[in-house]
Amino acid sequence: MEDVILVNDKTQYGQDALSLAKDNMILKVDFTDMLKRTSHNRIYSELLVKAVGKKLLCEDTIVLDATAGLGEDAFILASAGLKVKMYERDETIAKLLDDGLKRAALVEELSGIVSRMELIIADSIAAMEDHRINPDIVYLDPMFPQRNKSGLIKKKFQILQQLESPCDEEERLLNAALDTDAKKIIIKRPLKGEYLAGVKPSYSLKGRAIRYDCISR
């Protein structure tokens, strides 16, 4: 990827952060931005948490986040008390996420949440196919084109897309998830997007711009 520079920047809480500089934009992982969204009173209104369901919403539940990215969805799941094993195969994205996790561990309001988040820099498809992990839930968020987003969000997505292209192995990704013993597979999709690999879910939860397709077993 051309013109990408990893630099030190400052977070909201005054610590040096590893950042990606591209096209006059600084991209970094700063979980303080999500604290209001994941406070105790709000976290259970998150659509992703609702997709998990009451039966699996407990501290013993292990989630395999097969497409971790910058860890925002994993943070939501961990905020709800779940243990999340995040797989990210792109080394640059993984470095940003790892840096964000390490800094968050030093912040009182964040440390308990990120202690439930584990980053594995590897291909999740291969890990699932080799049965290296036995999760209760598999979460899939294969990158898809974003529409009707603000300029800032669109630019952020474009930077990530240059590092890691949208998933071109949808069928293999879903089959690998189905090959695990997970009780539920949760798939993030555009609101009007097609089912992943054409497989109809057990049910779907719809938001304003996205939906979560759930396969229960």
N, C-alpha and C. Protein backbone atom coordinates (compact mmCIF):
# COMPACT_ATOMS: atom_id res chain seq x y z
N MET A 1 0.84 -1.19 0.00
CA MET A 1 0.00 0.00 0.00
C MET A 1 0.88 1.24 0.00
N GLU A 2 0.65 2.17 -0.87
CA GLU A 2 1.49 3.35 -1.01
C GLU A 2 1.08 4.46 -0.04
N ASP A 3 2.08 5.29 0.34
CA ASP A 3 1.84 6.50 1.12
C ASP A 3 1.18 6.24 2.47
N VAL A 4 1.49 5.13 3.08
CA VAL A 4 0.98 4.83 4.41
C VAL A 4 2.13 4.96 5.40
N ILE A 5 1.94 5.75 6.44
CA ILE A 5 2.97 5.96 7.45
C ILE A 5 2.37 5.69 8.82
N LEU A 6 3.04 4.88 9.62
CA LEU A 6 2.62 4.66 10.98
C LEU A 6 3.35 5.67 11.86
N VAL A 7 2.60 6.46 12.60
CA VAL A 7 3.17 7.55 13.38
C VAL A 7 2.66 7.50 14.81
N ASN A 8 3.30 8.26 15.68
CA ASN A 8 2.80 8.43 17.05
C ASN A 8 1.92 9.66 17.10
N ASP A 9 0.78 9.51 17.72
CA ASP A 9 -0.17 10.61 17.86
C ASP A 9 -0.64 10.61 19.31
N LYS A 10 -1.55 11.50 19.65
CA LYS A 10 -2.07 11.57 21.00
C LYS A 10 -3.52 11.11 21.04
N THR A 11 -3.86 10.33 22.04
CA THR A 11 -5.24 9.91 22.22
C THR A 11 -5.98 10.94 23.07
N GLN A 12 -7.25 10.72 23.26
CA GLN A 12 -8.05 11.62 24.10
C GLN A 12 -7.52 11.63 25.53
N TYR A 13 -6.94 10.52 25.97
CA TYR A 13 -6.48 10.46 27.35
C TYR A 13 -4.97 10.66 27.46
N GLY A 14 -4.37 11.35 26.48
CA GLY A 14 -3.02 11.88 26.61
C GLY A 14 -1.87 10.92 26.46
N GLN A 15 -2.11 9.73 25.91
CA GLN A 15 -1.04 8.77 25.72
C GLN A 15 -0.66 8.70 24.25
N ASP A 16 0.60 8.36 24.01
CA ASP A 16 1.03 8.17 22.63
C ASP A 16 0.29 7.00 22.01
N ALA A 17 -0.15 7.18 20.76
CA ALA A 17 -0.89 6.13 20.07
C ALA A 17 -0.24 5.85 18.73
N LEU A 18 -0.26 4.59 18.32
CA LEU A 18 0.17 4.23 16.98
C LEU A 18 -0.94 4.60 16.02
N SER A 19 -0.61 5.37 15.00
CA SER A 19 -1.62 5.85 14.07
C SER A 19 -1.18 5.60 12.64
N LEU A 20 -2.17 5.51 11.77
CA LEU A 20 -1.91 5.33 10.35
C LEU A 20 -2.24 6.65 9.65
N ALA A 21 -1.27 7.21 8.96
CA ALA A 21 -1.47 8.47 8.25
C ALA A 21 -1.64 8.19 6.77
N LYS A 22 -2.74 8.68 6.21
CA LYS A 22 -3.05 8.44 4.81
C LYS A 22 -4.01 9.52 4.32
N ASP A 23 -3.65 10.17 3.21
CA ASP A 23 -4.54 11.16 2.59
C ASP A 23 -5.02 12.21 3.59
N ASN A 24 -4.07 12.75 4.36
CA ASN A 24 -4.36 13.81 5.34
C ASN A 24 -5.32 13.37 6.44
N MET A 25 -5.37 12.08 6.70
CA MET A 25 -6.23 11.56 7.76
C MET A 25 -5.40 10.69 8.69
N ILE A 26 -5.68 10.80 9.98
CA ILE A 26 -5.03 9.97 10.98
C ILE A 26 -6.02 8.92 11.47
N LEU A 27 -5.65 7.66 11.34
CA LEU A 27 -6.53 6.56 11.75
C LEU A 27 -5.87 5.83 12.92
N LYS A 28 -6.60 5.71 14.02
CA LYS A 28 -6.06 5.03 15.19
C LYS A 28 -7.21 4.37 15.96
N VAL A 29 -6.86 3.49 16.88
CA VAL A 29 -7.84 2.82 17.70
C VAL A 29 -7.87 3.51 19.06
N ASP A 30 -8.99 4.09 19.41
CA ASP A 30 -9.15 4.78 20.69
C ASP A 30 -10.52 4.41 21.25
N PHE A 31 -10.54 3.45 22.15
CA PHE A 31 -11.81 2.92 22.64
C PHE A 31 -12.56 3.87 23.56
N THR A 32 -11.92 4.95 23.98
CA THR A 32 -12.66 5.94 24.78
C THR A 32 -13.82 6.53 23.98
N ASP A 33 -13.69 6.53 22.67
CA ASP A 33 -14.76 7.06 21.82
C ASP A 33 -16.06 6.28 21.95
N MET A 34 -15.97 5.04 22.47
CA MET A 34 -17.14 4.16 22.52
C MET A 34 -17.73 4.03 23.92
N LEU A 35 -17.17 4.72 24.90
CA LEU A 35 -17.61 4.53 26.27
C LEU A 35 -19.08 4.91 26.48
N LYS A 36 -19.51 6.03 25.91
CA LYS A 36 -20.92 6.43 26.08
C LYS A 36 -21.85 5.40 25.45
N ARG A 37 -21.43 4.89 24.32
CA ARG A 37 -22.27 3.93 23.59
C ARG A 37 -22.39 2.61 24.32
N THR A 38 -21.36 2.25 25.09
CA THR A 38 -21.35 0.93 25.73
C THR A 38 -21.51 1.01 27.24
N SER A 39 -22.00 2.13 27.76
CA SER A 39 -22.25 2.23 29.19
C SER A 39 -23.28 1.18 29.59
N HIS A 40 -23.33 0.90 30.90
CA HIS A 40 -24.21 -0.19 31.37
C HIS A 40 -25.66 0.02 30.96
N ASN A 41 -26.10 1.24 30.94
CA ASN A 41 -27.50 1.52 30.62
C ASN A 41 -27.81 1.42 29.13
N ARG A 42 -26.77 1.46 28.30
CA ARG A 42 -26.99 1.50 26.85
C ARG A 42 -26.58 0.22 26.13
N ILE A 43 -25.67 -0.53 26.72
CA ILE A 43 -25.07 -1.64 25.98
C ILE A 43 -26.10 -2.67 25.53
N TYR A 44 -27.15 -2.90 26.34
CA TYR A 44 -28.11 -3.94 25.99
C TYR A 44 -29.14 -3.49 24.95
N SER A 45 -29.05 -2.22 24.56
CA SER A 45 -29.89 -1.74 23.46
C SER A 45 -29.16 -1.85 22.12
N GLU A 46 -27.87 -2.22 22.17
CA GLU A 46 -27.11 -2.41 20.93
C GLU A 46 -27.68 -3.60 20.15
N LEU A 47 -27.89 -3.39 18.86
CA LEU A 47 -28.47 -4.44 18.03
C LEU A 47 -27.62 -5.71 18.02
N LEU A 48 -26.30 -5.54 18.04
CA LEU A 48 -25.41 -6.70 18.04
C LEU A 48 -25.58 -7.51 19.32
N VAL A 49 -25.73 -6.84 20.43
CA VAL A 49 -25.94 -7.54 21.71
C VAL A 49 -27.28 -8.26 21.69
N LYS A 50 -28.29 -7.64 21.11
CA LYS A 50 -29.59 -8.29 20.98
C LYS A 50 -29.48 -9.54 20.11
N ALA A 51 -28.61 -9.48 19.10
CA ALA A 51 -28.43 -10.63 18.21
C ALA A 51 -27.81 -11.82 18.96
N VAL A 52 -27.00 -11.54 19.96
CA VAL A 52 -26.42 -12.62 20.76
C VAL A 52 -27.52 -13.40 21.46
N GLY A 53 -28.50 -12.70 22.03
CA GLY A 53 -29.61 -13.36 22.70
C GLY A 53 -29.35 -13.60 24.18
N LYS A 54 -30.41 -13.65 24.96
CA LYS A 54 -30.29 -13.75 26.42
C LYS A 54 -29.61 -15.05 26.87
N LYS A 55 -29.86 -16.14 26.18
CA LYS A 55 -29.29 -17.43 26.60
C LYS A 55 -27.77 -17.44 26.53
N LEU A 56 -27.20 -16.73 25.57
CA LEU A 56 -25.75 -16.74 25.39
C LEU A 56 -25.08 -15.50 25.97
N LEU A 57 -25.86 -14.62 26.54
CA LEU A 57 -25.33 -13.37 27.07
C LEU A 57 -24.82 -13.59 28.50
N CYS A 58 -23.66 -14.25 28.61
CA CYS A 58 -23.08 -14.52 29.92
C CYS A 58 -21.56 -14.52 29.80
N GLU A 59 -20.89 -14.42 30.93
CA GLU A 59 -19.43 -14.26 30.94
C GLU A 59 -18.69 -15.50 30.47
N ASP A 60 -19.33 -16.65 30.43
CA ASP A 60 -18.68 -17.87 29.97
C ASP A 60 -18.73 -18.03 28.44
N THR A 61 -19.52 -17.20 27.78
CA THR A 61 -19.67 -17.30 26.33
C THR A 61 -18.41 -16.81 25.62
N ILE A 62 -17.92 -17.61 24.70
CA ILE A 62 -16.74 -17.25 23.91
C ILE A 62 -17.18 -16.93 22.49
N VAL A 63 -16.80 -15.76 22.02
CA VAL A 63 -17.11 -15.33 20.66
C VAL A 63 -15.84 -15.34 19.83
N LEU A 64 -15.90 -15.92 18.66
CA LEU A 64 -14.82 -15.82 17.70
C LEU A 64 -15.20 -14.71 16.72
N ASP A 65 -14.51 -13.59 16.79
CA ASP A 65 -14.70 -12.50 15.84
C ASP A 65 -13.75 -12.77 14.69
N ALA A 66 -14.27 -13.31 13.61
CA ALA A 66 -13.43 -13.80 12.52
C ALA A 66 -12.85 -12.70 11.65
N THR A 67 -13.39 -11.50 11.75
CA THR A 67 -12.95 -10.39 10.91
C THR A 67 -12.86 -9.14 11.78
N ALA A 68 -11.87 -9.09 12.65
CA ALA A 68 -11.84 -8.11 13.74
C ALA A 68 -11.74 -6.66 13.30
N GLY A 69 -10.96 -6.37 12.26
CA GLY A 69 -10.77 -4.98 11.85
C GLY A 69 -10.17 -4.16 12.96
N LEU A 70 -10.79 -3.02 13.29
CA LEU A 70 -10.29 -2.15 14.35
C LEU A 70 -10.93 -2.45 15.70
N GLY A 71 -11.67 -3.54 15.79
CA GLY A 71 -12.12 -4.04 17.07
C GLY A 71 -13.36 -3.39 17.67
N GLU A 72 -14.07 -2.57 16.91
CA GLU A 72 -15.21 -1.85 17.48
C GLU A 72 -16.35 -2.79 17.87
N ASP A 73 -16.68 -3.74 17.01
CA ASP A 73 -17.76 -4.68 17.35
C ASP A 73 -17.33 -5.62 18.48
N ALA A 74 -16.07 -6.01 18.48
CA ALA A 74 -15.56 -6.85 19.56
C ALA A 74 -15.65 -6.12 20.89
N PHE A 75 -15.41 -4.82 20.89
CA PHE A 75 -15.51 -4.02 22.11
C PHE A 75 -16.95 -3.98 22.62
N ILE A 76 -17.89 -3.89 21.70
CA ILE A 76 -19.31 -3.93 22.09
C ILE A 76 -19.64 -5.27 22.76
N LEU A 77 -19.19 -6.35 22.16
CA LEU A 77 -19.46 -7.68 22.72
C LEU A 77 -18.79 -7.85 24.08
N ALA A 78 -17.56 -7.39 24.20
CA ALA A 78 -16.85 -7.49 25.47
C ALA A 78 -17.49 -6.59 26.53
N SER A 79 -18.03 -5.47 26.11
CA SER A 79 -18.72 -4.56 27.05
C SER A 79 -19.95 -5.22 27.64
N ALA A 80 -20.52 -6.17 26.90
CA ALA A 80 -21.69 -6.91 27.38
C ALA A 80 -21.29 -8.12 28.21
N GLY A 81 -19.99 -8.28 28.45
CA GLY A 81 -19.50 -9.34 29.34
C GLY A 81 -18.99 -10.59 28.66
N LEU A 82 -18.98 -10.62 27.33
CA LEU A 82 -18.54 -11.82 26.61
C LEU A 82 -17.02 -11.83 26.43
N LYS A 83 -16.47 -13.02 26.27
CA LYS A 83 -15.06 -13.16 25.96
C LYS A 83 -14.92 -13.22 24.44
N VAL A 84 -14.06 -12.39 23.88
CA VAL A 84 -13.95 -12.28 22.43
C VAL A 84 -12.54 -12.59 21.96
N LYS A 85 -12.43 -13.57 21.10
CA LYS A 85 -11.15 -13.88 20.45
C LYS A 85 -11.21 -13.29 19.05
N MET A 86 -10.38 -12.28 18.80
CA MET A 86 -10.42 -11.53 17.55
C MET A 86 -9.33 -12.01 16.60
N TYR A 87 -9.74 -12.37 15.41
CA TYR A 87 -8.78 -12.76 14.37
C TYR A 87 -8.66 -11.64 13.35
N GLU A 88 -7.43 -11.21 13.09
CA GLU A 88 -7.16 -10.21 12.06
C GLU A 88 -5.90 -10.63 11.31
N ARG A 89 -6.02 -10.78 10.00
CA ARG A 89 -4.90 -11.28 9.22
C ARG A 89 -4.00 -10.19 8.67
N ASP A 90 -4.51 -8.96 8.53
CA ASP A 90 -3.68 -7.87 8.02
C ASP A 90 -2.80 -7.32 9.14
N GLU A 91 -1.50 -7.33 8.94
CA GLU A 91 -0.57 -6.96 10.01
C GLU A 91 -0.67 -5.49 10.40
N THR A 92 -0.93 -4.60 9.44
CA THR A 92 -1.02 -3.18 9.75
C THR A 92 -2.26 -2.90 10.61
N ILE A 93 -3.39 -3.45 10.21
CA ILE A 93 -4.62 -3.29 11.00
C ILE A 93 -4.42 -3.90 12.39
N ALA A 94 -3.79 -5.07 12.44
CA ALA A 94 -3.56 -5.74 13.71
C ALA A 94 -2.67 -4.91 14.63
N LYS A 95 -1.67 -4.25 14.07
CA LYS A 95 -0.79 -3.39 14.88
C LYS A 95 -1.58 -2.24 15.50
N LEU A 96 -2.46 -1.63 14.73
CA LEU A 96 -3.28 -0.54 15.24
C LEU A 96 -4.19 -1.04 16.37
N LEU A 97 -4.81 -2.21 16.16
CA LEU A 97 -5.71 -2.77 17.16
C LEU A 97 -4.95 -3.16 18.42
N ASP A 98 -3.81 -3.79 18.25
CA ASP A 98 -3.01 -4.21 19.40
C ASP A 98 -2.58 -3.00 20.23
N ASP A 99 -2.19 -1.93 19.55
CA ASP A 99 -1.80 -0.70 20.25
C ASP A 99 -2.97 -0.12 21.03
N GLY A 100 -4.16 -0.11 20.41
CA GLY A 100 -5.34 0.39 21.09
C GLY A 100 -5.69 -0.43 22.32
N LEU A 101 -5.54 -1.74 22.23
CA LEU A 101 -5.82 -2.62 23.36
C LEU A 101 -4.85 -2.37 24.52
N LYS A 102 -3.59 -2.21 24.20
CA LYS A 102 -2.57 -1.99 25.23
C LYS A 102 -2.79 -0.67 25.95
N ARG A 103 -3.15 0.36 25.21
CA ARG A 103 -3.39 1.67 25.84
C ARG A 103 -4.67 1.63 26.68
N ALA A 104 -5.70 0.95 26.15
CA ALA A 104 -6.97 0.86 26.88
C ALA A 104 -6.80 0.11 28.20
N ALA A 105 -5.88 -0.85 28.23
CA ALA A 105 -5.66 -1.63 29.44
C ALA A 105 -5.14 -0.77 30.59
N LEU A 106 -4.62 0.41 30.29
CA LEU A 106 -4.09 1.32 31.30
C LEU A 106 -5.13 2.31 31.80
N VAL A 107 -6.34 2.26 31.22
CA VAL A 107 -7.41 3.19 31.57
C VAL A 107 -8.45 2.46 32.40
N GLU A 108 -8.76 3.00 33.57
CA GLU A 108 -9.65 2.32 34.52
C GLU A 108 -10.98 1.93 33.91
N GLU A 109 -11.60 2.85 33.16
CA GLU A 109 -12.92 2.58 32.60
C GLU A 109 -12.90 1.54 31.48
N LEU A 110 -11.72 1.28 30.92
CA LEU A 110 -11.61 0.39 29.78
C LEU A 110 -10.95 -0.95 30.10
N SER A 111 -10.16 -0.99 31.14
CA SER A 111 -9.31 -2.16 31.39
C SER A 111 -10.10 -3.45 31.56
N GLY A 112 -11.21 -3.39 32.27
CA GLY A 112 -12.00 -4.60 32.46
C GLY A 112 -12.60 -5.12 31.17
N ILE A 113 -12.97 -4.20 30.30
CA ILE A 113 -13.57 -4.59 29.01
C ILE A 113 -12.52 -5.26 28.12
N VAL A 114 -11.37 -4.59 27.93
CA VAL A 114 -10.37 -5.13 27.00
C VAL A 114 -9.69 -6.37 27.55
N SER A 115 -9.81 -6.63 28.85
CA SER A 115 -9.26 -7.87 29.40
C SER A 115 -9.99 -9.09 28.86
N ARG A 116 -11.19 -8.85 28.33
CA ARG A 116 -11.98 -9.94 27.74
C ARG A 116 -11.77 -10.03 26.23
N MET A 117 -10.85 -9.24 25.70
CA MET A 117 -10.58 -9.24 24.25
C MET A 117 -9.17 -9.76 23.98
N GLU A 118 -9.08 -10.78 23.16
CA GLU A 118 -7.78 -11.37 22.81
C GLU A 118 -7.58 -11.27 21.30
N LEU A 119 -6.44 -10.72 20.90
CA LEU A 119 -6.13 -10.55 19.47
C LEU A 119 -5.22 -11.67 18.99
N ILE A 120 -5.63 -12.31 17.92
CA ILE A 120 -4.80 -13.33 17.25
C ILE A 120 -4.54 -12.85 15.83
N ILE A 121 -3.29 -12.68 15.48
CA ILE A 121 -2.94 -12.22 14.14
C ILE A 121 -2.78 -13.45 13.25
N ALA A 122 -3.86 -13.81 12.59
CA ALA A 122 -3.89 -15.03 11.79
C ALA A 122 -5.14 -15.03 10.93
N ASP A 123 -5.20 -15.99 10.01
CA ASP A 123 -6.35 -16.16 9.13
C ASP A 123 -7.41 -16.97 9.88
N SER A 124 -8.55 -16.36 10.14
CA SER A 124 -9.60 -17.04 10.90
C SER A 124 -10.18 -18.22 10.15
N ILE A 125 -10.21 -18.14 8.82
CA ILE A 125 -10.78 -19.25 8.05
C ILE A 125 -9.99 -20.52 8.30
N ALA A 126 -8.66 -20.41 8.21
CA ALA A 126 -7.80 -21.56 8.45
C ALA A 126 -7.95 -22.06 9.89
N ALA A 127 -8.08 -21.13 10.84
CA ALA A 127 -8.22 -21.52 12.25
C ALA A 127 -9.51 -22.30 12.47
N MET A 128 -10.59 -21.85 11.84
CA MET A 128 -11.86 -22.56 11.99
C MET A 128 -11.82 -23.91 11.29
N GLU A 129 -11.22 -23.94 10.12
CA GLU A 129 -11.14 -25.21 9.38
C GLU A 129 -10.28 -26.23 10.12
N ASP A 130 -9.26 -25.75 10.84
CA ASP A 130 -8.36 -26.65 11.59
C ASP A 130 -8.88 -26.93 13.00
N HIS A 131 -10.04 -26.34 13.34
CA HIS A 131 -10.66 -26.53 14.65
C HIS A 131 -9.72 -26.14 15.79
N ARG A 132 -9.03 -24.99 15.61
CA ARG A 132 -8.12 -24.50 16.66
C ARG A 132 -8.88 -23.86 17.81
N ILE A 133 -10.12 -23.51 17.60
CA ILE A 133 -10.92 -22.85 18.63
C ILE A 133 -12.34 -23.40 18.58
N ASN A 134 -12.95 -23.51 19.75
CA ASN A 134 -14.31 -24.04 19.84
C ASN A 134 -15.21 -22.97 20.46
N PRO A 135 -15.68 -22.00 19.67
CA PRO A 135 -16.44 -20.88 20.23
C PRO A 135 -17.92 -21.22 20.41
N ASP A 136 -18.58 -20.41 21.23
CA ASP A 136 -20.03 -20.53 21.36
C ASP A 136 -20.74 -19.75 20.26
N ILE A 137 -20.09 -18.66 19.81
CA ILE A 137 -20.63 -17.81 18.75
C ILE A 137 -19.52 -17.49 17.77
N VAL A 138 -19.84 -17.51 16.51
CA VAL A 138 -18.93 -16.98 15.48
C VAL A 138 -19.54 -15.71 14.93
N TYR A 139 -18.77 -14.64 14.94
CA TYR A 139 -19.24 -13.35 14.42
C TYR A 139 -18.49 -13.04 13.13
N LEU A 140 -19.24 -12.78 12.07
CA LEU A 140 -18.67 -12.49 10.76
C LEU A 140 -19.07 -11.10 10.31
N ASP A 141 -18.09 -10.30 9.99
CA ASP A 141 -18.34 -8.96 9.44
C ASP A 141 -17.45 -8.77 8.22
N PRO A 142 -17.71 -9.53 7.15
CA PRO A 142 -16.90 -9.37 5.94
C PRO A 142 -17.12 -7.98 5.37
N MET A 143 -16.04 -7.31 5.05
CA MET A 143 -16.13 -5.93 4.59
C MET A 143 -17.04 -5.82 3.37
N PHE A 144 -17.93 -4.84 3.40
CA PHE A 144 -18.84 -4.62 2.27
C PHE A 144 -18.90 -3.13 1.98
N PRO A 145 -19.26 -2.76 0.75
CA PRO A 145 -19.31 -1.34 0.38
C PRO A 145 -20.25 -0.57 1.28
N GLN A 146 -19.79 0.59 1.78
CA GLN A 146 -20.59 1.45 2.64
C GLN A 146 -21.24 2.54 1.80
N ARG A 147 -22.53 2.79 2.05
CA ARG A 147 -23.24 3.81 1.31
C ARG A 147 -23.89 4.80 2.27
N ASN A 148 -24.11 6.00 1.77
CA ASN A 148 -24.80 7.05 2.55
C ASN A 148 -24.15 7.30 3.90
N LYS A 149 -22.83 7.30 3.92
CA LYS A 149 -22.09 7.56 5.14
C LYS A 149 -21.48 8.94 5.08
N SER A 150 -21.10 9.47 6.26
CA SER A 150 -20.44 10.75 6.29
C SER A 150 -19.09 10.65 5.60
N GLY A 151 -18.54 11.80 5.19
CA GLY A 151 -17.27 11.81 4.50
C GLY A 151 -16.16 11.20 5.31
N LEU A 152 -16.18 11.44 6.65
CA LEU A 152 -15.13 10.92 7.51
C LEU A 152 -15.19 9.40 7.58
N ILE A 153 -16.39 8.85 7.78
CA ILE A 153 -16.55 7.40 7.86
C ILE A 153 -16.20 6.74 6.53
N LYS A 154 -16.61 7.37 5.44
CA LYS A 154 -16.32 6.82 4.11
C LYS A 154 -14.82 6.79 3.86
N LYS A 155 -14.12 7.84 4.27
CA LYS A 155 -12.68 7.90 4.06
C LYS A 155 -11.97 6.85 4.90
N LYS A 156 -12.44 6.67 6.14
CA LYS A 156 -11.89 5.64 7.02
C LYS A 156 -12.05 4.27 6.39
N PHE A 157 -13.24 4.00 5.85
CA PHE A 157 -13.49 2.71 5.21
C PHE A 157 -12.58 2.52 4.00
N GLN A 158 -12.39 3.57 3.22
CA GLN A 158 -11.56 3.46 2.03
C GLN A 158 -10.11 3.12 2.39
N ILE A 159 -9.62 3.70 3.49
CA ILE A 159 -8.27 3.38 3.93
C ILE A 159 -8.17 1.92 4.32
N LEU A 160 -9.14 1.44 5.09
CA LEU A 160 -9.14 0.03 5.50
C LEU A 160 -9.25 -0.90 4.31
N GLN A 161 -10.06 -0.48 3.32
CA GLN A 161 -10.25 -1.31 2.14
C GLN A 161 -8.96 -1.43 1.34
N GLN A 162 -8.13 -0.39 1.35
CA GLN A 162 -6.85 -0.48 0.65
C GLN A 162 -5.90 -1.45 1.35
N LEU A 163 -6.05 -1.59 2.66
CA LEU A 163 -5.24 -2.54 3.40
C LEU A 163 -5.76 -3.95 3.25
N GLU A 164 -7.09 -4.07 3.30
CA GLU A 164 -7.72 -5.40 3.28
C GLU A 164 -8.98 -5.33 2.44
N SER A 165 -8.97 -5.98 1.32
CA SER A 165 -10.09 -5.90 0.38
C SER A 165 -11.33 -6.60 0.94
N PRO A 166 -12.52 -6.21 0.45
CA PRO A 166 -13.74 -6.92 0.84
C PRO A 166 -13.59 -8.42 0.59
N CYS A 167 -14.25 -9.18 1.42
CA CYS A 167 -14.10 -10.64 1.38
C CYS A 167 -14.46 -11.21 0.02
N ASP A 168 -13.55 -11.98 -0.55
CA ASP A 168 -13.82 -12.64 -1.83
C ASP A 168 -13.93 -14.16 -1.63
N GLU A 169 -14.01 -14.58 -0.37
CA GLU A 169 -14.15 -16.00 -0.05
C GLU A 169 -15.36 -16.20 0.85
N GLU A 170 -16.48 -15.61 0.45
CA GLU A 170 -17.67 -15.65 1.31
C GLU A 170 -18.12 -17.08 1.61
N GLU A 171 -18.16 -17.91 0.60
CA GLU A 171 -18.63 -19.29 0.80
C GLU A 171 -17.71 -20.06 1.73
N ARG A 172 -16.39 -19.90 1.52
CA ARG A 172 -15.43 -20.60 2.37
C ARG A 172 -15.50 -20.07 3.81
N LEU A 173 -15.66 -18.75 3.96
CA LEU A 173 -15.76 -18.15 5.29
C LEU A 173 -16.97 -18.69 6.05
N LEU A 174 -18.11 -18.69 5.40
CA LEU A 174 -19.32 -19.17 6.06
C LEU A 174 -19.25 -20.67 6.33
N ASN A 175 -18.75 -21.44 5.38
CA ASN A 175 -18.64 -22.89 5.59
C ASN A 175 -17.70 -23.22 6.75
N ALA A 176 -16.63 -22.42 6.88
CA ALA A 176 -15.70 -22.64 7.99
C ALA A 176 -16.39 -22.37 9.32
N ALA A 177 -17.21 -21.30 9.35
CA ALA A 177 -17.97 -20.99 10.57
C ALA A 177 -18.97 -22.09 10.89
N LEU A 178 -19.64 -22.59 9.86
CA LEU A 178 -20.62 -23.67 10.05
C LEU A 178 -19.96 -24.97 10.49
N ASP A 179 -18.69 -25.11 10.20
CA ASP A 179 -17.95 -26.33 10.54
C ASP A 179 -17.54 -26.35 12.01
N THR A 180 -17.67 -25.21 12.69
CA THR A 180 -17.39 -25.18 14.13
C THR A 180 -18.60 -25.72 14.89
N ASP A 181 -18.44 -25.83 16.19
CA ASP A 181 -19.56 -26.29 17.03
C ASP A 181 -20.33 -25.12 17.63
N ALA A 182 -20.17 -23.94 17.05
CA ALA A 182 -20.83 -22.75 17.58
C ALA A 182 -22.34 -22.92 17.62
N LYS A 183 -22.93 -22.40 18.69
CA LYS A 183 -24.38 -22.46 18.84
C LYS A 183 -25.08 -21.44 17.95
N LYS A 184 -24.35 -20.37 17.61
CA LYS A 184 -24.94 -19.32 16.79
C LYS A 184 -23.86 -18.66 15.93
N ILE A 185 -24.24 -18.34 14.71
CA ILE A 185 -23.37 -17.55 13.81
C ILE A 185 -24.10 -16.25 13.52
N ILE A 186 -23.42 -15.13 13.77
CA ILE A 186 -24.00 -13.81 13.56
C ILE A 186 -23.24 -13.14 12.42
N ILE A 187 -23.99 -12.67 11.42
CA ILE A 187 -23.37 -12.10 10.22
C ILE A 187 -23.85 -10.67 10.02
N LYS A 188 -22.94 -9.74 9.95
CA LYS A 188 -23.28 -8.33 9.72
C LYS A 188 -23.38 -8.07 8.22
N ARG A 189 -24.50 -7.48 7.82
CA ARG A 189 -24.74 -7.24 6.39
C ARG A 189 -25.33 -5.85 6.18
N PRO A 190 -25.20 -5.32 4.97
CA PRO A 190 -25.93 -4.09 4.65
C PRO A 190 -27.42 -4.37 4.77
N LEU A 191 -28.20 -3.36 5.13
CA LEU A 191 -29.62 -3.56 5.38
C LEU A 191 -30.32 -4.28 4.23
N LYS A 192 -30.02 -3.89 2.99
CA LYS A 192 -30.67 -4.50 1.83
C LYS A 192 -29.74 -5.42 1.05
N GLY A 193 -28.65 -5.81 1.68
CA GLY A 193 -27.68 -6.67 1.01
C GLY A 193 -28.14 -8.11 0.93
N GLU A 194 -27.50 -8.86 0.06
CA GLU A 194 -27.81 -10.28 -0.09
C GLU A 194 -27.29 -11.08 1.10
N TYR A 195 -27.84 -12.26 1.30
CA TYR A 195 -27.34 -13.14 2.34
C TYR A 195 -25.91 -13.54 2.02
N LEU A 196 -25.09 -13.71 3.05
CA LEU A 196 -23.72 -14.13 2.84
C LEU A 196 -23.70 -15.51 2.19
N ALA A 197 -23.01 -15.60 1.05
CA ALA A 197 -22.90 -16.85 0.29
C ALA A 197 -24.27 -17.41 -0.10
N GLY A 198 -25.30 -16.56 -0.08
CA GLY A 198 -26.63 -16.99 -0.50
C GLY A 198 -27.36 -17.88 0.50
N VAL A 199 -26.83 -17.99 1.73
CA VAL A 199 -27.44 -18.88 2.72
C VAL A 199 -28.43 -18.10 3.58
N LYS A 200 -29.68 -18.54 3.60
CA LYS A 200 -30.72 -17.87 4.38
C LYS A 200 -30.54 -18.15 5.86
N PRO A 201 -30.54 -17.10 6.70
CA PRO A 201 -30.36 -17.30 8.14
C PRO A 201 -31.63 -17.80 8.83
N SER A 202 -31.50 -18.14 10.10
CA SER A 202 -32.66 -18.53 10.90
C SER A 202 -33.59 -17.34 11.10
N TYR A 203 -33.00 -16.17 11.30
CA TYR A 203 -33.75 -14.92 11.44
C TYR A 203 -32.78 -13.75 11.31
N SER A 204 -33.33 -12.55 11.20
CA SER A 204 -32.51 -11.34 11.06
C SER A 204 -33.02 -10.25 11.99
N LEU A 205 -32.10 -9.43 12.48
CA LEU A 205 -32.44 -8.23 13.24
C LEU A 205 -32.00 -7.03 12.41
N LYS A 206 -32.92 -6.10 12.17
CA LYS A 206 -32.64 -5.00 11.27
C LYS A 206 -32.52 -3.66 12.00
N GLY A 207 -31.49 -2.91 11.61
CA GLY A 207 -31.32 -1.55 12.09
C GLY A 207 -31.60 -0.58 10.97
N ARG A 208 -31.14 0.66 11.12
CA ARG A 208 -31.41 1.67 10.09
C ARG A 208 -30.54 1.48 8.85
N ALA A 209 -29.32 1.00 9.02
CA ALA A 209 -28.42 0.87 7.87
C ALA A 209 -27.86 -0.53 7.71
N ILE A 210 -27.90 -1.33 8.77
CA ILE A 210 -27.36 -2.68 8.71
C ILE A 210 -28.36 -3.67 9.29
N ARG A 211 -28.05 -4.93 9.13
CA ARG A 211 -28.84 -5.97 9.80
C ARG A 211 -27.87 -7.07 10.25
N TYR A 212 -28.34 -7.86 11.20
CA TYR A 212 -27.58 -9.01 11.65
C TYR A 212 -28.35 -10.27 11.32
N ASP A 213 -27.77 -11.09 10.44
CA ASP A 213 -28.36 -12.38 10.09
C ASP A 213 -27.85 -13.41 11.09
N CYS A 214 -28.76 -14.15 11.69
CA CYS A 214 -28.40 -15.09 12.74
C CYS A 214 -28.74 -16.52 12.32
N ILE A 215 -27.76 -17.39 12.42
CA ILE A 215 -27.96 -18.81 12.16
C ILE A 215 -27.84 -19.53 13.50
N SER A 216 -28.95 -20.05 14.01
CA SER A 216 -28.98 -20.76 15.28
C SER A 216 -28.94 -22.26 15.04
N ARG A 217 -28.26 -22.96 15.97
CA ARG A 217 -28.16 -24.41 15.80
C ARG A 217 -28.34 -25.12 17.15
